[in-house]
Amino acid sequence: MLYAALFSLAVLTAPAADKAKPATNTIDPICRMKTTPKDQVVVVRGQEYRVCSKHCAGSLQKDPDKYLEKDGSVKGAK
């Protein structure tokens, strides 16, 4: 009973999960197509990115270092 109470207290006092930063990219990091606010969004390392398709979303999640700089910006977008 004491363990259940301590667990409940730990869950209630745990910090809320950080919300992902909103997508700001206008170019798909994978295929370089122009994106719009209606396009699919994928979260990588706490940052949202707009992508044109499920294929591009999967590629970005599978190997983010190939498409993103260390600071989270899209490679080659600068």
C-alpha atoms as a PDB file:
ATOM      1  CA  MET A   1       0.000   0.000   0.000  1.00  0.00           C
ATOM      2  CA  LEU A   2       2.854   2.357   0.844  1.00  0.00           C
ATOM      3  CA  TYR A   3       4.491   1.617  -2.507  1.00  0.00           C
ATOM      4  CA  ALA A   4       1.286   2.412  -4.367  1.00  0.00           C
ATOM      5  CA  ALA A   5       0.990   5.732  -2.551  1.00  0.00           C
ATOM      6  CA  LEU A   6       4.620   6.621  -3.262  1.00  0.00           C
ATOM      7  CA  PHE A   7       4.220   5.662  -6.919  1.00  0.00           C
ATOM      8  CA  SER A   8       1.092   7.788  -7.234  1.00  0.00           C
ATOM      9  CA  LEU A   9       2.890  10.719  -5.653  1.00  0.00           C
ATOM     10  CA  ALA A  10       5.853  10.284  -8.015  1.00  0.00           C
ATOM     11  CA  VAL A  11       3.560  10.258 -11.059  1.00  0.00           C
ATOM     12  CA  LEU A  12       1.707  13.355  -9.887  1.00  0.00           C
ATOM     13  CA  THR A  13       4.908  15.319  -9.241  1.00  0.00           C
ATOM     14  CA  ALA A  14       6.774  14.204 -12.368  1.00  0.00           C
ATOM     15  CA  PRO A  15       7.401  17.004 -14.847  1.00  0.00           C
ATOM     16  CA  ALA A  16       5.165  17.066 -17.901  1.00  0.00           C
ATOM     17  CA  ALA A  17       6.718  15.824 -21.118  1.00  0.00           C
ATOM     18  CA  ASP A  18       8.242  18.645 -23.101  1.00  0.00           C
ATOM     19  CA  LYS A  19       6.173  19.671 -26.069  1.00  0.00           C
ATOM     20  CA  ALA A  20       7.929  19.559 -29.422  1.00  0.00           C
ATOM     21  CA  LYS A  21       8.991  22.864 -30.922  1.00  0.00           C
ATOM     22  CA  PRO A  22       6.723  23.815 -33.842  1.00  0.00           C
ATOM     23  CA  ALA A  23       7.853  23.206 -37.412  1.00  0.00           C
ATOM     24  CA  THR A  24       9.370  26.205 -39.163  1.00  0.00           C
ATOM     25  CA  ASN A  25      10.844  24.529 -42.240  1.00  0.00           C
ATOM     26  CA  THR A  26       9.364  25.368 -45.638  1.00  0.00           C
ATOM     27  CA  ILE A  27      11.450  22.783 -47.528  1.00  0.00           C
ATOM     28  CA  ASP A  28      11.165  19.026 -46.984  1.00  0.00           C
ATOM     29  CA  PRO A  29      14.550  17.925 -45.518  1.00  0.00           C
ATOM     30  CA  ILE A  30      14.520  14.724 -47.584  1.00  0.00           C
ATOM     31  CA  CYS A  31      13.313  15.504 -51.118  1.00  0.00           C
ATOM     32  CA  ARG A  32      13.609  19.311 -51.016  1.00  0.00           C
ATOM     33  CA  MET A  33       9.993  19.869 -52.103  1.00  0.00           C
ATOM     34  CA  LYS A  34       8.318  23.026 -50.828  1.00  0.00           C
ATOM     35  CA  THR A  35       6.107  22.312 -47.807  1.00  0.00           C
ATOM     36  CA  THR A  36       2.921  23.959 -46.557  1.00  0.00           C
ATOM     37  CA  PRO A  37       1.283  24.109 -43.123  1.00  0.00           C
ATOM     38  CA  LYS A  38      -1.108  21.373 -44.295  1.00  0.00           C
ATOM     39  CA  ASP A  39       1.709  18.860 -44.890  1.00  0.00           C
ATOM     40  CA  GLN A  40       2.495  15.971 -42.574  1.00  0.00           C
ATOM     41  CA  VAL A  41       4.542  16.778 -39.463  1.00  0.00           C
ATOM     42  CA  VAL A  42       7.118  14.452 -37.901  1.00  0.00           C
ATOM     43  CA  VAL A  43       8.889  14.997 -34.563  1.00  0.00           C
ATOM     44  CA  VAL A  44      12.634  14.370 -34.376  1.00  0.00           C
ATOM     45  CA  ARG A  45      14.663  15.221 -31.265  1.00  0.00           C
ATOM     46  CA  GLY A  46      11.920  17.413 -29.826  1.00  0.00           C
ATOM     47  CA  GLN A  47      11.480  19.454 -33.010  1.00  0.00           C
ATOM     48  CA  GLU A  48       8.664  19.201 -35.545  1.00  0.00           C
ATOM     49  CA  TYR A  49       9.493  19.126 -39.263  1.00  0.00           C
ATOM     50  CA  ARG A  50       7.070  19.347 -42.182  1.00  0.00           C
ATOM     51  CA  VAL A  51       7.499  16.616 -44.787  1.00  0.00           C
ATOM     52  CA  CYS A  52       5.621  15.885 -48.004  1.00  0.00           C
ATOM     53  CA  SER A  53       4.952  12.175 -47.434  1.00  0.00           C
ATOM     54  CA  LYS A  54       5.120   9.155 -45.151  1.00  0.00           C
ATOM     55  CA  HIS A  55       8.202   8.038 -47.072  1.00  0.00           C
ATOM     56  CA  CYS A  56      10.061  11.269 -46.238  1.00  0.00           C
ATOM     57  CA  ALA A  57       8.831  11.108 -42.630  1.00  0.00           C
ATOM     58  CA  GLY A  58      10.222   7.584 -42.270  1.00  0.00           C
ATOM     59  CA  SER A  59      13.543   8.536 -43.840  1.00  0.00           C
ATOM     60  CA  LEU A  60      13.940  11.516 -41.512  1.00  0.00           C
ATOM     61  CA  GLN A  61      13.129   9.452 -38.422  1.00  0.00           C
ATOM     62  CA  LYS A  62      15.414   6.611 -39.509  1.00  0.00           C
ATOM     63  CA  ASP A  63      18.526   8.742 -40.133  1.00  0.00           C
ATOM     64  CA  PRO A  64      18.104  12.337 -38.908  1.00  0.00           C
ATOM     65  CA  ASP A  65      21.875  13.015 -38.961  1.00  0.00           C
ATOM     66  CA  LYS A  66      21.863  12.556 -42.730  1.00  0.00           C
ATOM     67  CA  TYR A  67      19.356  15.401 -43.200  1.00  0.00           C
ATOM     68  CA  LEU A  68      19.727  17.674 -40.154  1.00  0.00           C
ATOM     69  CA  GLU A  69      22.545  19.771 -38.762  1.00  0.00           C
ATOM     70  CA  LYS A  70      23.532  19.380 -35.085  1.00  0.00           C
ATOM     71  CA  ASP A  71      21.445  22.481 -34.238  1.00  0.00           C
ATOM     72  CA  GLY A  72      18.341  20.912 -35.847  1.00  0.00           C
ATOM     73  CA  SER A  73      18.347  23.041 -38.980  1.00  0.00           C
ATOM     74  CA  VAL A  74      17.907  21.355 -42.342  1.00  0.00           C
ATOM     75  CA  LYS A  75      21.227  20.571 -44.032  1.00  0.00           C
ATOM     76  CA  GLY A  76      21.888  22.844 -46.989  1.00  0.00           C
ATOM     77  CA  ALA A  77      19.015  25.201 -46.137  1.00  0.00           C
ATOM     78  CA  LYS A  78      21.312  28.020 -44.977  1.00  0.00           C
END
